[in-house]
Amino acid sequence: MSDQVYQENYTSLDGAIVINKSPGFTSTQYLEKVKTLINQKLRRLYKEQGRVGELIEKAGHTGTLDPNASGVLVIFLNNSTKLIPFINKNKSYVCEVIIGKETDTIDLSGNTLRELKIDRSEANEIIKKIEALLPEYIRKFSQHPPVYSSKKIQGKRLYEIASSINTALFKEKVDTVYINSIKIIDYYYFLEYHRIQLEIDCSQGTYVRSIIKDISDKINVPLTLSFLVRKNSNNFTLSQSLTIEELKNSSNITDYIIKQEEILNEFPFVVVNDRTVFKVRNGHSFISQNVIHIEKKGKYNDRNIFVVKDRRKENLAIVQSDNLINFKVKRVLKPY
């Protein structure tokens, strides 16, 4: 097969697919489920169309969702898994909170520890207290994960050792997170409980259940999470996402893969002069004198990460620069 014919028939899977995860699975289980399903469809597609193409050999997601949570799960494929460390890690959620019920897992999967009968006037007062507290969370702070979570201690998931957890080790398991916004967007009475809905924009690693537990402790009212939906992850949204059913019914799965080039084009970038191209493609850092253009805007504009391009706008590497003077190569995209 000539190079030209080969290129015309070859299908590259470098990129990402946005999945709407259903409750009842861990993120890893869902990733494997999606990977298997896509490969089955690709084998069939290649055979029917006489095309040559990759299968998914590697896949990775950009942030764990609790088994009982649903929503956006971004899965990067094959060589594009190398981009995961450089993707903006912000998330946004909508959750429902039951007022007057507490469980050991802080959601409906756990055992009930406490319940209170709350009338409408009491619920209104509680909601006012919660609303007054919310601005306190719009900041950077240290957070313990819930005991029943997928966080690891000494190689084991917390939910696997919750009943015999080492308290000292757990206290050391603290992450620095931040919340950009948190607000009540609805409240109502349903199935014997008063409930509120919260909308939260936050950093990676933020546990919404831990926030609910903290609010519960501060107002001394039992609260528990009844559902959690991730609306946005790394600037990928629910409107872009596919359910497993839609994935199964799709006629050409490659139409739903967001190509690596498209993702890279959403980064801030620098264009380097011709003399610097060889240097960058060999993994060497450079300085601002080698830059002929810089674009600071982009969806992924946190942590001072830039894509390096040549004059023809080909993507060469990913670099980091904290001062726009020194640019350190973090990942070569087009090596020699």
Protein backbone atom coordinates (compact mmCIF):
# COMPACT_ATOMS: atom_id res chain seq x y z
CA MET A 1 0.00 0.00 0.00
CA SER A 2 1.41 3.37 -0.99
CA ASP A 3 1.93 6.04 1.65
CA GLN A 4 -0.82 8.20 0.13
CA VAL A 5 -3.43 5.40 0.10
CA TYR A 6 -2.36 4.35 3.60
CA GLN A 7 -2.89 7.87 4.97
CA GLU A 8 -6.31 8.12 3.29
CA ASN A 9 -7.47 4.85 4.89
CA TYR A 10 -5.84 5.28 8.27
CA THR A 11 -7.92 6.35 11.25
CA SER A 12 -6.13 7.97 14.19
CA LEU A 13 -7.77 7.81 17.60
CA ASP A 14 -5.57 10.38 19.32
CA GLY A 15 -8.00 12.70 21.06
CA ALA A 16 -10.74 12.57 23.66
CA ILE A 17 -14.31 11.40 24.00
CA VAL A 18 -16.76 12.95 26.46
CA ILE A 19 -18.98 10.45 28.24
CA ASN A 20 -22.06 11.01 30.39
CA LYS A 21 -21.38 8.51 33.16
CA SER A 22 -24.33 6.79 34.82
CA PRO A 23 -24.46 6.06 38.56
CA GLY A 24 -23.49 2.59 39.73
CA PHE A 25 -19.95 2.31 38.35
CA THR A 26 -16.53 3.54 39.39
CA SER A 27 -14.85 5.84 36.89
CA THR A 28 -12.27 3.14 36.09
CA GLN A 29 -15.00 0.55 35.45
CA TYR A 30 -16.75 3.00 33.15
CA LEU A 31 -13.53 3.81 31.31
CA GLU A 32 -12.91 0.10 30.63
CA LYS A 33 -16.54 -0.34 29.57
CA VAL A 34 -16.24 2.54 27.09
CA LYS A 35 -12.86 1.35 25.81
CA THR A 36 -14.18 -2.18 25.15
CA LEU A 37 -17.30 -0.90 23.43
CA ILE A 38 -15.41 1.50 21.15
CA ASN A 39 -12.92 -1.20 20.14
CA GLN A 40 -15.75 -3.61 19.29
CA LYS A 41 -17.38 -0.98 17.09
CA LEU A 42 -14.08 -0.02 15.45
CA ARG A 43 -13.23 -3.61 14.51
CA ARG A 44 -16.61 -3.93 12.86
CA LEU A 45 -16.29 -0.55 11.14
CA TYR A 46 -12.80 -1.23 9.76
CA LYS A 47 -13.92 -4.60 8.44
CA GLU A 48 -17.03 -3.20 6.73
CA GLN A 49 -15.25 -0.23 5.15
CA GLY A 50 -11.93 -1.87 4.36
CA ARG A 51 -10.09 0.74 6.38
CA VAL A 52 -6.89 0.55 8.38
CA GLY A 53 -7.01 2.09 11.83
CA GLU A 54 -5.95 2.02 15.43
CA LEU A 55 -7.71 0.44 18.33
CA ILE A 56 -7.65 2.01 21.76
CA GLU A 57 -4.58 0.67 23.52
CA LYS A 58 -4.43 3.33 26.24
CA ALA A 59 -7.11 5.44 27.87
CA GLY A 60 -7.21 7.72 30.88
CA HIS A 61 -9.76 10.04 32.43
CA THR A 62 -9.25 13.54 33.79
CA GLY A 63 -10.93 13.17 37.18
CA THR A 64 -12.73 10.51 39.21
CA LEU A 65 -16.47 10.60 39.74
CA ASP A 66 -17.95 8.81 42.75
CA PRO A 67 -19.74 5.55 41.83
CA ASN A 68 -23.10 7.11 42.73
CA ALA A 69 -22.41 10.31 40.78
CA SER A 70 -23.18 10.94 37.12
CA GLY A 71 -22.15 13.38 34.43
CA VAL A 72 -19.10 14.38 32.46
CA LEU A 73 -16.23 11.89 32.33
CA VAL A 74 -13.55 12.96 29.84
CA ILE A 75 -11.59 10.02 28.45
CA PHE A 76 -8.33 10.68 26.59
CA LEU A 77 -7.24 8.06 24.06
CA ASN A 78 -3.90 6.56 23.06
CA ASN A 79 -1.14 9.18 22.61
CA SER A 80 -3.45 11.93 23.84
CA THR A 81 -3.27 10.50 27.37
CA LYS A 82 0.01 12.45 27.52
CA LEU A 83 -2.03 15.67 27.51
CA ILE A 84 -3.93 14.87 30.71
CA PRO A 85 -1.44 16.56 33.11
CA PHE A 86 -1.76 19.81 31.15
CA ILE A 87 -5.54 20.02 30.92
CA ASN A 88 -7.38 22.57 33.06
CA LYS A 89 -8.70 20.65 36.07
CA ASN A 90 -11.71 22.81 37.02
CA LYS A 91 -15.08 21.12 37.50
CA SER A 92 -18.67 22.21 38.00
CA TYR A 93 -21.46 20.25 39.67
CA VAL A 94 -25.15 20.35 40.48
CA CYS A 95 -26.19 18.39 43.53
CA GLU A 96 -29.31 17.79 45.59
CA VAL A 97 -29.10 17.84 49.40
CA ILE A 98 -31.70 16.31 51.69
CA ILE A 99 -32.36 18.31 54.86
CA GLY A 100 -32.94 16.22 57.97
CA LYS A 101 -31.12 13.00 57.05
CA GLU A 102 -27.57 11.88 57.79
CA THR A 103 -25.77 8.73 56.60
CA ASP A 104 -22.30 7.33 57.24
CA THR A 105 -21.32 7.88 53.59
CA ILE A 106 -22.92 11.37 53.36
CA ASP A 107 -25.04 10.06 50.46
CA LEU A 108 -27.94 7.65 49.98
CA SER A 109 -25.68 4.61 49.54
CA GLY A 110 -24.90 4.52 53.28
CA ASN A 111 -26.56 3.59 56.54
CA THR A 112 -28.84 6.17 58.14
CA LEU A 113 -27.32 7.63 61.32
CA ARG A 114 -29.82 10.35 62.13
CA GLU A 115 -33.16 11.70 60.92
CA LEU A 116 -35.18 14.73 61.93
CA LYS A 117 -38.74 15.69 61.08
CA ILE A 118 -38.54 19.26 59.80
CA ASP A 119 -41.53 21.46 59.03
CA ARG A 120 -41.63 24.14 56.36
CA SER A 121 -40.78 27.09 58.62
CA GLU A 122 -37.80 25.21 60.12
CA ALA A 123 -36.63 24.28 56.61
CA ASN A 124 -36.79 27.92 55.54
CA GLU A 125 -34.62 28.94 58.50
CA ILE A 126 -32.12 26.15 57.76
CA ILE A 127 -31.88 27.20 54.12
CA LYS A 128 -31.18 30.79 55.21
CA LYS A 129 -28.37 29.54 57.49
CA ILE A 130 -26.88 27.46 54.66
CA GLU A 131 -27.09 30.39 52.26
CA ALA A 132 -25.31 32.64 54.77
CA LEU A 133 -22.51 30.08 55.17
CA LEU A 134 -21.78 29.48 51.49
CA PRO A 135 -19.59 32.57 50.87
CA GLU A 136 -17.12 31.17 53.47
CA TYR A 137 -16.29 28.35 51.03
CA ILE A 138 -15.33 30.58 48.10
CA ARG A 139 -11.58 30.37 48.69
CA LYS A 140 -8.61 28.01 48.82
CA PHE A 141 -8.65 25.60 51.77
CA SER A 142 -7.51 22.18 53.00
CA GLN A 143 -10.03 19.36 52.80
CA HIS A 144 -10.21 15.78 54.08
CA PRO A 145 -11.83 13.34 51.65
CA PRO A 146 -14.91 11.43 52.84
CA VAL A 147 -14.03 8.15 54.59
CA TYR A 148 -16.07 6.34 51.94
CA SER A 149 -14.25 7.57 48.83
CA SER A 150 -11.86 6.36 46.15
CA LYS A 151 -8.90 8.25 47.64
CA LYS A 152 -5.97 5.96 48.38
CA ILE A 153 -4.08 5.41 51.64
CA GLN A 154 -1.07 3.10 51.40
CA GLY A 155 -2.30 1.72 48.08
CA LYS A 156 -5.87 0.98 49.18
CA ARG A 157 -9.05 2.87 48.39
CA LEU A 158 -10.62 4.47 51.46
CA TYR A 159 -13.97 2.78 50.85
CA GLU A 160 -12.19 -0.62 51.00
CA ILE A 161 -10.83 0.05 54.51
CA ALA A 162 -13.47 2.42 55.89
CA SER A 163 -14.46 0.11 58.75
CA SER A 164 -10.87 -0.28 59.96
CA ILE A 165 -9.30 2.98 58.89
CA ASN A 166 -6.10 4.19 60.53
CA THR A 167 -7.22 7.54 61.99
CA ALA A 168 -3.72 9.00 62.11
CA LEU A 169 -3.05 8.20 58.46
CA PHE A 170 -6.47 9.51 57.44
CA LYS A 171 -5.82 12.85 59.18
CA GLU A 172 -2.69 13.22 57.06
CA LYS A 173 -4.72 12.75 53.87
CA VAL A 174 -5.45 16.42 53.17
CA ASP A 175 -5.72 18.13 49.81
CA THR A 176 -5.62 21.83 49.00
CA VAL A 177 -8.66 22.70 46.90
CA TYR A 178 -10.49 25.85 45.94
CA ILE A 179 -14.07 26.84 45.18
CA ASN A 180 -14.81 29.56 42.64
CA SER A 181 -18.54 29.72 43.35
CA ILE A 182 -21.20 27.88 45.33
CA LYS A 183 -24.88 28.81 45.46
CA ILE A 184 -28.38 27.48 46.06
CA ILE A 185 -30.25 27.29 42.75
CA ASP A 186 -33.49 25.61 43.92
CA TYR A 187 -35.34 24.27 46.96
CA TYR A 188 -38.49 22.16 47.29
CA TYR A 189 -40.27 19.39 49.23
CA PHE A 190 -40.17 15.90 47.73
CA LEU A 191 -40.69 12.37 49.13
CA GLU A 192 -41.00 13.45 52.79
CA TYR A 193 -37.92 15.70 52.81
CA HIS A 194 -37.13 19.32 52.19
CA ARG A 195 -34.33 19.55 49.64
CA ILE A 196 -32.03 22.11 48.09
CA GLN A 197 -30.00 22.09 44.90
CA LEU A 198 -26.50 23.55 44.90
CA GLU A 199 -24.34 24.58 41.97
CA ILE A 200 -20.59 24.42 42.61
CA ASP A 201 -17.60 25.46 40.49
CA CYS A 202 -14.39 24.11 42.00
CA SER A 203 -10.92 22.66 41.49
CA GLN A 204 -9.99 19.07 40.87
CA GLY A 205 -9.97 17.01 44.05
CA THR A 206 -12.83 18.87 45.72
CA TYR A 207 -15.22 16.47 47.45
CA VAL A 208 -18.75 17.85 47.44
CA ARG A 209 -19.75 15.35 50.14
CA SER A 210 -17.08 16.77 52.45
CA ILE A 211 -18.52 20.26 51.93
CA ILE A 212 -22.02 18.98 52.75
CA LYS A 213 -20.70 17.29 55.90
CA ASP A 214 -18.91 20.47 56.97
CA ILE A 215 -22.06 22.58 56.49
CA SER A 216 -24.07 19.98 58.41
CA ASP A 217 -21.66 20.15 61.36
CA LYS A 218 -21.68 23.95 61.40
CA ILE A 219 -25.46 24.31 61.49
CA ASN A 220 -26.00 21.12 63.54
CA VAL A 221 -28.60 19.77 61.10
CA PRO A 222 -28.32 16.38 59.38
CA LEU A 223 -27.71 16.70 55.62
CA THR A 224 -27.02 14.12 52.96
CA LEU A 225 -26.34 14.14 49.24
CA SER A 226 -29.10 12.54 47.16
CA PHE A 227 -27.54 13.06 43.74
CA LEU A 228 -24.46 14.64 42.16
CA VAL A 229 -24.11 15.54 38.48
CA ARG A 230 -20.89 16.87 36.97
CA LYS A 231 -21.88 19.45 34.35
CA ASN A 232 -18.42 20.48 33.25
CA SER A 233 -14.98 18.93 33.49
CA ASN A 234 -11.87 20.57 32.04
CA ASN A 235 -14.09 22.77 29.83
CA PHE A 236 -15.84 19.72 28.36
CA THR A 237 -19.59 19.88 28.96
CA LEU A 238 -22.65 17.67 29.29
CA SER A 239 -23.92 18.95 25.93
CA GLN A 240 -20.83 17.36 24.29
CA SER A 241 -21.24 14.06 26.09
CA LEU A 242 -22.53 10.66 25.01
CA THR A 243 -24.31 8.07 27.11
CA ILE A 244 -23.38 4.41 26.81
CA GLU A 245 -26.63 3.84 24.91
CA GLU A 246 -25.78 6.58 22.41
CA LEU A 247 -22.31 5.09 22.06
CA LYS A 248 -23.81 1.66 21.31
CA ASN A 249 -26.21 3.11 18.73
CA SER A 250 -23.68 5.34 16.95
CA SER A 251 -22.96 4.41 13.32
CA ASN A 252 -19.47 5.93 13.23
CA ILE A 253 -17.84 6.29 16.62
CA THR A 254 -14.88 8.24 15.25
CA ASP A 255 -17.22 11.19 14.60
CA TYR A 256 -17.45 11.69 18.38
CA ILE A 257 -13.72 11.71 19.08
CA ILE A 258 -12.42 15.24 19.62
CA LYS A 259 -9.12 15.23 17.76
CA GLN A 260 -5.88 15.99 19.55
CA GLU A 261 -5.16 18.93 17.23
CA GLU A 262 -8.52 20.46 18.10
CA ILE A 263 -7.77 20.17 21.84
CA LEU A 264 -4.27 21.64 21.44
CA ASN A 265 -5.71 24.58 19.53
CA GLU A 266 -7.58 25.59 22.70
CA PHE A 267 -4.32 26.23 24.59
CA PRO A 268 -2.44 29.52 24.81
CA PHE A 269 0.53 29.24 22.47
CA VAL A 270 3.87 30.66 21.47
CA VAL A 271 5.35 30.71 17.98
CA VAL A 272 9.12 30.27 17.87
CA ASN A 273 11.60 31.32 15.22
CA ASP A 274 13.03 28.81 12.77
CA ARG A 275 16.32 28.43 14.64
CA THR A 276 14.47 27.28 17.77
CA VAL A 277 12.30 24.59 16.14
CA PHE A 278 15.06 21.96 16.16
CA LYS A 279 15.85 22.81 19.78
CA VAL A 280 12.23 22.44 20.91
CA ARG A 281 11.69 19.17 19.04
CA ASN A 282 14.68 17.77 20.91
CA GLY A 283 13.25 18.75 24.28
CA HIS A 284 15.40 21.79 25.00
CA SER A 285 14.10 24.87 26.78
CA PHE A 286 14.27 28.36 25.29
CA ILE A 287 13.89 32.01 26.22
CA SER A 288 11.63 34.86 25.16
CA GLN A 289 14.11 36.12 22.54
CA ASN A 290 13.28 32.98 20.54
CA VAL A 291 9.54 33.78 20.52
CA ILE A 292 8.04 35.70 17.59
CA HIS A 293 4.42 35.63 18.82
CA ILE A 294 2.60 34.80 22.03
CA GLU A 295 -1.13 34.21 22.58
CA LYS A 296 -2.13 34.14 26.24
CA LYS A 297 -5.83 33.39 25.78
CA GLY A 298 -7.36 29.91 25.58
CA LYS A 299 -9.64 27.49 27.38
CA TYR A 300 -6.66 25.90 29.09
CA ASN A 301 -4.94 29.02 30.35
CA ASP A 302 -4.06 27.98 33.89
CA ARG A 303 -0.68 26.96 35.33
CA ASN A 304 1.22 28.95 32.67
CA ILE A 305 1.10 26.14 30.11
CA PHE A 306 1.63 26.93 26.42
CA VAL A 307 1.74 24.95 23.19
CA VAL A 308 4.79 25.72 21.05
CA LYS A 309 4.15 26.17 17.34
CA ASP A 310 6.38 26.84 14.35
CA ARG A 311 5.63 29.48 11.70
CA ARG A 312 3.29 27.04 9.92
CA LYS A 313 1.37 26.64 13.23
CA GLU A 314 2.32 22.99 13.66
CA ASN A 315 2.22 21.87 17.29
CA LEU A 316 5.74 20.99 18.44
CA ALA A 317 5.68 20.74 22.25
CA ILE A 318 4.05 21.76 25.51
CA VAL A 319 6.01 24.18 27.69
CA GLN A 320 5.61 25.93 31.02
CA SER A 321 6.63 29.49 31.73
CA ASP A 322 5.98 31.31 34.99
CA ASN A 323 7.49 34.61 33.84
CA LEU A 324 7.14 34.62 30.01
CA ILE A 325 10.94 34.82 29.86
CA ASN A 326 12.05 31.22 30.37
CA PHE A 327 10.10 28.41 28.66
CA LYS A 328 10.68 24.87 29.91
CA VAL A 329 9.66 21.98 27.65
CA LYS A 330 7.35 19.57 29.51
CA ARG A 331 6.30 17.32 26.61
CA VAL A 332 7.57 17.02 23.03
CA LEU A 333 4.67 16.47 20.63
CA LYS A 334 6.68 16.26 17.40
CA PRO A 335 10.12 14.81 18.08
CA TYR A 336 12.82 14.41 15.43
